[in-house]
Protein backbone atom coordinates (compact mmCIF):
# COMPACT_ATOMS: atom_id res chain seq x y z
CA MET A 1 2.62 -4.36 10.99
CA ASN A 2 0.60 -1.64 12.71
CA VAL A 3 -1.07 1.43 11.33
CA ASP A 4 1.50 3.66 12.70
CA ARG A 5 4.45 1.77 10.91
CA ILE A 6 2.30 1.76 7.64
CA ARG A 7 1.85 5.55 8.00
CA GLU A 8 5.44 6.15 8.58
CA LEU A 9 6.66 4.16 5.56
CA CYS A 10 4.06 5.51 3.16
CA LEU A 11 4.71 9.18 3.99
CA SER A 12 8.49 8.52 3.55
CA LEU A 13 7.75 7.91 -0.13
CA PRO A 14 8.17 10.96 -2.44
CA GLY A 15 4.76 12.74 -3.27
CA THR A 16 2.65 10.68 -0.77
CA THR A 17 -0.37 12.34 0.77
CA GLU A 18 -2.81 10.81 3.30
CA GLN A 19 -6.35 11.30 4.11
CA ILE A 20 -9.22 9.86 6.00
CA GLN A 21 -11.82 8.37 3.64
CA TRP A 22 -15.01 5.95 3.87
CA GLY A 23 -15.43 6.41 7.49
CA ASP A 24 -12.37 4.93 9.37
CA ASN A 25 -9.83 4.22 6.43
CA LEU A 26 -6.59 6.01 6.29
CA VAL A 27 -5.79 6.18 2.53
CA PHE A 28 -2.28 7.00 0.94
CA LYS A 29 -2.05 8.40 -2.39
CA VAL A 30 0.64 9.55 -4.90
CA ALA A 31 -0.48 12.10 -7.47
CA GLY A 32 -4.08 11.48 -6.47
CA LYS A 33 -3.98 7.81 -6.94
CA ILE A 34 -4.26 5.38 -4.10
CA PHE A 35 -1.65 2.83 -3.30
CA VAL A 36 -2.63 1.74 0.28
CA ILE A 37 -5.63 1.72 2.33
CA ALA A 38 -5.37 0.96 6.17
CA THR A 39 -8.32 0.75 8.49
CA LEU A 40 -8.18 2.68 11.75
CA ALA A 41 -10.64 0.28 13.52
CA ALA A 42 -9.55 -2.57 15.76
CA GLY A 43 -7.60 -5.34 13.82
CA GLY A 44 -5.61 -2.94 11.77
CA ARG A 45 -6.26 -4.59 8.38
CA PHE A 46 -4.71 -3.09 5.26
CA SER A 47 -5.04 -3.31 1.45
CA PHE A 48 -2.57 -2.65 -1.43
CA LYS A 49 -1.94 -3.27 -5.02
CA CYS A 50 0.39 -6.03 -6.36
CA PRO A 51 1.36 -7.41 -9.61
CA GLU A 52 -0.96 -10.12 -10.88
CA GLU A 53 1.47 -13.01 -10.33
CA THR A 54 2.09 -11.84 -6.81
CA PHE A 55 -1.52 -11.38 -6.23
CA TYR A 56 -2.19 -15.13 -6.71
CA GLU A 57 0.84 -16.24 -4.54
CA LEU A 58 -0.31 -13.85 -1.78
CA THR A 59 -3.76 -15.08 -1.68
CA GLU A 60 -2.75 -18.51 -1.05
CA LEU A 61 -1.21 -17.54 2.27
CA PRO A 62 -3.14 -17.33 5.45
CA GLY A 63 -4.29 -14.06 6.36
CA ILE A 64 -4.22 -12.59 3.01
CA THR A 65 -7.42 -12.39 0.79
CA PRO A 66 -8.63 -10.60 -2.30
CA ALA A 67 -9.58 -6.88 -1.14
CA PRO A 68 -13.34 -6.34 -1.48
CA TYR A 69 -14.18 -4.17 -4.43
CA LEU A 70 -10.54 -3.96 -5.50
CA ALA A 71 -9.57 -7.72 -6.26
CA ARG A 72 -10.08 -7.32 -9.99
CA ALA A 73 -7.19 -4.66 -10.05
CA HIS A 74 -5.13 -7.17 -8.06
CA TRP A 75 -5.31 -5.63 -4.62
CA VAL A 76 -4.92 -7.68 -1.53
CA LEU A 77 -6.30 -7.44 2.02
CA ILE A 78 -3.99 -8.40 5.01
CA ASP A 79 -5.22 -9.26 8.35
CA PRO A 80 -2.11 -8.73 10.68
CA ALA A 81 -3.63 -11.09 13.33
CA ALA A 82 -3.40 -14.02 10.83
CA CYS A 83 -0.60 -13.04 8.29
CA ARG A 84 2.82 -14.42 8.72
CA LEU A 85 4.84 -12.35 6.50
CA ARG A 86 7.73 -10.64 8.05
CA PRO A 87 7.63 -6.86 8.68
CA GLY A 88 10.46 -6.41 5.73
CA GLU A 89 8.40 -8.26 3.27
CA VAL A 90 5.26 -6.34 4.04
CA GLU A 91 7.42 -3.18 3.68
CA ARG A 92 8.71 -4.35 0.31
CA LEU A 93 5.15 -5.09 -0.90
CA LEU A 94 3.91 -1.60 0.19
CA ARG A 95 6.81 0.11 -1.70
CA GLN A 96 6.09 -2.25 -4.74
CA SER A 97 2.46 -0.98 -4.73
CA TYR A 98 3.68 2.74 -4.71
CA ASP A 99 5.84 1.78 -7.62
CA LEU A 100 3.20 0.10 -9.59
CA VAL A 101 0.93 3.28 -9.20
CA VAL A 102 3.87 5.63 -10.10
CA ALA A 103 4.59 3.62 -13.19
CA LYS A 104 1.12 4.46 -14.48
CA LEU A 105 1.39 8.15 -13.96
CA PRO A 106 2.18 10.56 -16.83
CA LYS A 107 6.02 10.79 -17.58
CA LYS A 108 6.05 14.42 -16.47
CA THR A 109 4.59 13.42 -12.98
CA GLN A 110 7.06 10.56 -12.73
CA ALA A 111 9.97 12.97 -13.31
CA ALA A 112 8.79 15.28 -10.75
CA LEU A 113 8.53 12.44 -8.12
CA GLN A 114 11.86 11.32 -9.02
CA GLY A 115 13.38 14.78 -8.12
CA GLN A 116 11.82 14.60 -4.56
CA LYS A 117 13.84 13.01 -1.82
CA ARG A 118 12.51 10.36 0.55
CA LYS A 119 11.72 11.91 3.88
CA THR A 120 13.25 9.05 5.75
CA PRO A 121 15.03 5.94 4.43
CA ILE A 122 13.24 2.76 4.12
């Protein structure tokens, strides 16, 4: 999955914003909380949050490692050149990361996001 598809998918989720941070990283946030980080450098690696049990399952697969600095919070780093996950599975995991972050937001913020429509279907 390339950065353009990741960007398209993330921006389709309600309340998502994007910005460049830390040099060459495209960061996707909901209510100011990060849920996906994609590098703009060659290779197109990207990171996202996942549930604890999924974290351990994913890091057993080729091309997926614990994300530097974020592994303690169950973030994984995917190297698309070595990862064998199907695009549909990656899309599901990115949506799951969004959902995990939204679930930790205040109820009022969650309600406001639920009222927003997706920009494009996933």
